[in-house]
Amino acid sequence: MPGNESLHERIDRLEMHVAHQERMIEDLHKAITAQWHEIEGLARKVGNLGNRMHAVEERADAPAPVEPPPPHY
């Protein structure tokens, strides 16, 4: 039955193609998940740096404390 053999070959090829696509989807999912975790960490760091910069700017805008004159005056 040559017609059935080609059908079996076609089904085998399609099954291999689907298996390959499933593996690729899983690999892409893992990569995206890892990148998302990295993005979240970087976003937290940028937020912290922004807060620190804001605090530094506030201190820079505050008037300098008056220093007492040196003791030899």
N, C-alpha and C. Protein backbone atom coordinates (compact mmCIF):
# COMPACT_ATOMS: atom_id res chain seq x y z
N MET A 1 0.82 -1.17 0.00
CA MET A 1 0.00 0.00 0.00
C MET A 1 0.88 1.26 0.00
N PRO A 2 1.27 1.69 -1.14
CA PRO A 2 2.13 2.86 -1.22
C PRO A 2 1.45 4.12 -0.71
N GLY A 3 0.15 4.26 -0.90
CA GLY A 3 -0.56 5.44 -0.43
C GLY A 3 -0.51 5.56 1.09
N ASN A 4 -0.65 4.45 1.80
CA ASN A 4 -0.59 4.45 3.26
C ASN A 4 0.81 4.75 3.76
N GLU A 5 1.82 4.26 3.05
CA GLU A 5 3.19 4.52 3.47
C GLU A 5 3.50 6.01 3.40
N SER A 6 3.10 6.67 2.36
CA SER A 6 3.37 8.10 2.27
C SER A 6 2.57 8.85 3.33
N LEU A 7 1.38 8.37 3.65
CA LEU A 7 0.58 9.00 4.71
C LEU A 7 1.28 8.82 6.06
N HIS A 8 1.83 7.64 6.32
CA HIS A 8 2.56 7.41 7.58
C HIS A 8 3.81 8.29 7.65
N GLU A 9 4.50 8.39 6.53
CA GLU A 9 5.68 9.27 6.51
C GLU A 9 5.29 10.71 6.76
N ARG A 10 4.20 11.13 6.16
CA ARG A 10 3.74 12.51 6.36
C ARG A 10 3.35 12.75 7.81
N ILE A 11 2.66 11.80 8.41
CA ILE A 11 2.27 11.92 9.82
C ILE A 11 3.51 11.96 10.70
N ASP A 12 4.49 11.10 10.41
CA ASP A 12 5.74 11.10 11.18
C ASP A 12 6.44 12.46 11.07
N ARG A 13 6.49 12.99 9.85
CA ARG A 13 7.13 14.30 9.65
C ARG A 13 6.39 15.39 10.43
N LEU A 14 5.06 15.36 10.37
CA LEU A 14 4.27 16.35 11.11
C LEU A 14 4.46 16.21 12.62
N GLU A 15 4.52 14.98 13.11
CA GLU A 15 4.73 14.76 14.54
C GLU A 15 6.10 15.28 14.96
N MET A 16 7.12 15.05 14.14
CA MET A 16 8.45 15.57 14.46
C MET A 16 8.45 17.09 14.44
N HIS A 17 7.74 17.66 13.49
CA HIS A 17 7.66 19.11 13.39
C HIS A 17 6.97 19.69 14.63
N VAL A 18 5.89 19.08 15.05
CA VAL A 18 5.16 19.54 16.25
C VAL A 18 6.05 19.40 17.48
N ALA A 19 6.76 18.29 17.60
CA ALA A 19 7.65 18.10 18.75
C ALA A 19 8.74 19.17 18.77
N HIS A 20 9.29 19.48 17.61
CA HIS A 20 10.31 20.52 17.52
C HIS A 20 9.73 21.88 17.93
N GLN A 21 8.54 22.19 17.44
CA GLN A 21 7.90 23.46 17.80
C GLN A 21 7.61 23.54 19.30
N GLU A 22 7.16 22.44 19.89
CA GLU A 22 6.89 22.43 21.33
C GLU A 22 8.17 22.68 22.12
N ARG A 23 9.28 22.07 21.68
CA ARG A 23 10.57 22.29 22.36
C ARG A 23 11.01 23.74 22.22
N MET A 24 10.83 24.30 21.02
CA MET A 24 11.21 25.70 20.80
C MET A 24 10.36 26.64 21.65
N ILE A 25 9.07 26.36 21.74
CA ILE A 25 8.18 27.19 22.56
C ILE A 25 8.60 27.14 24.01
N GLU A 26 8.94 25.97 24.50
CA GLU A 26 9.39 25.83 25.89
C GLU A 26 10.70 26.59 26.12
N ASP A 27 11.63 26.47 25.17
CA ASP A 27 12.90 27.20 25.29
C ASP A 27 12.67 28.71 25.29
N LEU A 28 11.79 29.17 24.41
CA LEU A 28 11.48 30.60 24.36
C LEU A 28 10.80 31.07 25.65
N HIS A 29 9.93 30.23 26.17
CA HIS A 29 9.26 30.57 27.43
C HIS A 29 10.29 30.73 28.56
N LYS A 30 11.23 29.81 28.62
CA LYS A 30 12.27 29.89 29.65
C LYS A 30 13.10 31.16 29.48
N ALA A 31 13.45 31.48 28.24
CA ALA A 31 14.26 32.67 27.98
C ALA A 31 13.50 33.94 28.35
N ILE A 32 12.24 34.00 27.99
CA ILE A 32 11.43 35.18 28.31
C ILE A 32 11.25 35.32 29.82
N THR A 33 11.04 34.21 30.51
CA THR A 33 10.88 34.25 31.96
C THR A 33 12.17 34.75 32.62
N ALA A 34 13.31 34.27 32.17
CA ALA A 34 14.59 34.72 32.73
C ALA A 34 14.80 36.21 32.45
N GLN A 35 14.47 36.65 31.24
CA GLN A 35 14.63 38.06 30.90
C GLN A 35 13.69 38.93 31.73
N TRP A 36 12.47 38.45 31.96
CA TRP A 36 11.52 39.22 32.76
C TRP A 36 12.02 39.38 34.20
N HIS A 37 12.59 38.33 34.76
CA HIS A 37 13.14 38.43 36.11
C HIS A 37 14.29 39.44 36.14
N GLU A 38 15.13 39.41 35.10
CA GLU A 38 16.24 40.36 35.04
C GLU A 38 15.72 41.79 34.89
N ILE A 39 14.70 41.98 34.09
CA ILE A 39 14.12 43.32 33.91
C ILE A 39 13.53 43.82 35.22
N GLU A 40 12.85 42.95 35.95
CA GLU A 40 12.28 43.36 37.24
C GLU A 40 13.39 43.78 38.20
N GLY A 41 14.49 43.01 38.24
CA GLY A 41 15.61 43.37 39.12
C GLY A 41 16.22 44.70 38.72
N LEU A 42 16.40 44.90 37.42
CA LEU A 42 16.98 46.16 36.95
C LEU A 42 16.04 47.33 37.23
N ALA A 43 14.74 47.11 37.10
CA ALA A 43 13.78 48.18 37.39
C ALA A 43 13.85 48.57 38.87
N ARG A 44 13.99 47.57 39.75
CA ARG A 44 14.13 47.88 41.18
C ARG A 44 15.40 48.68 41.43
N LYS A 45 16.50 48.28 40.78
CA LYS A 45 17.75 49.01 40.97
C LYS A 45 17.64 50.45 40.48
N VAL A 46 17.01 50.64 39.33
CA VAL A 46 16.84 52.00 38.80
C VAL A 46 15.97 52.82 39.75
N GLY A 47 14.92 52.21 40.30
CA GLY A 47 14.08 52.91 41.27
C GLY A 47 14.86 53.32 42.51
N ASN A 48 15.69 52.40 43.00
CA ASN A 48 16.50 52.72 44.17
C ASN A 48 17.49 53.84 43.87
N LEU A 49 18.11 53.77 42.69
CA LEU A 49 19.05 54.83 42.30
C LEU A 49 18.34 56.17 42.16
N GLY A 50 17.12 56.15 41.64
CA GLY A 50 16.34 57.38 41.54
C GLY A 50 16.05 57.96 42.91
N ASN A 51 15.69 57.11 43.86
CA ASN A 51 15.44 57.58 45.22
C ASN A 51 16.70 58.17 45.84
N ARG A 52 17.84 57.50 45.61
CA ARG A 52 19.11 58.01 46.16
C ARG A 52 19.48 59.34 45.54
N MET A 53 19.28 59.46 44.23
CA MET A 53 19.58 60.73 43.55
C MET A 53 18.69 61.85 44.08
N HIS A 54 17.43 61.54 44.31
CA HIS A 54 16.51 62.54 44.85
C HIS A 54 16.97 62.99 46.24
N ALA A 55 17.40 62.03 47.07
CA ALA A 55 17.88 62.38 48.41
C ALA A 55 19.13 63.24 48.33
N VAL A 56 20.04 62.92 47.41
CA VAL A 56 21.26 63.71 47.25
C VAL A 56 20.92 65.13 46.79
N GLU A 57 19.98 65.23 45.85
CA GLU A 57 19.58 66.55 45.36
C GLU A 57 18.96 67.39 46.47
N GLU A 58 18.16 66.75 47.32
CA GLU A 58 17.55 67.49 48.44
C GLU A 58 18.62 67.99 49.40
N ARG A 59 19.63 67.16 49.66
CA ARG A 59 20.70 67.60 50.55
C ARG A 59 21.52 68.71 49.91
N ALA A 60 21.69 68.67 48.62
CA ALA A 60 22.48 69.69 47.92
C ALA A 60 21.74 71.03 47.93
N ASP A 61 20.42 71.00 47.91
CA ASP A 61 19.64 72.23 47.92
C ASP A 61 19.54 72.84 49.32
N ALA A 62 19.76 72.05 50.34
CA ALA A 62 19.66 72.56 51.72
C ALA A 62 20.85 73.48 51.99
N PRO A 63 20.64 74.51 52.80
CA PRO A 63 21.75 75.41 53.11
C PRO A 63 22.85 74.66 53.89
N ALA A 64 24.05 75.04 53.63
CA ALA A 64 25.18 74.41 54.30
C ALA A 64 25.16 74.78 55.78
N PRO A 65 25.49 73.85 56.66
CA PRO A 65 25.51 74.16 58.08
C PRO A 65 26.61 75.20 58.38
N VAL A 66 26.32 76.06 59.32
CA VAL A 66 27.30 77.08 59.71
C VAL A 66 28.37 76.43 60.56
N GLU A 67 29.61 76.57 60.13
CA GLU A 67 30.70 75.97 60.87
C GLU A 67 31.26 77.02 61.84
N PRO A 68 31.55 76.60 63.04
CA PRO A 68 32.13 77.56 63.99
C PRO A 68 33.54 77.95 63.52
N PRO A 69 33.97 79.12 63.85
CA PRO A 69 35.32 79.53 63.44
C PRO A 69 36.37 78.66 64.12
N PRO A 70 37.52 78.54 63.52
CA PRO A 70 38.59 77.74 64.14
C PRO A 70 38.98 78.32 65.49
N PRO A 71 39.55 77.54 66.36
CA PRO A 71 39.85 77.99 67.73
C PRO A 71 40.89 79.11 67.79
N HIS A 72 41.70 79.34 66.79
CA HIS A 72 42.72 80.37 66.89
C HIS A 72 42.18 81.78 66.63
N TYR A 73 40.88 81.96 66.40
CA TYR A 73 40.33 83.30 66.19
C TYR A 73 40.03 83.96 67.49
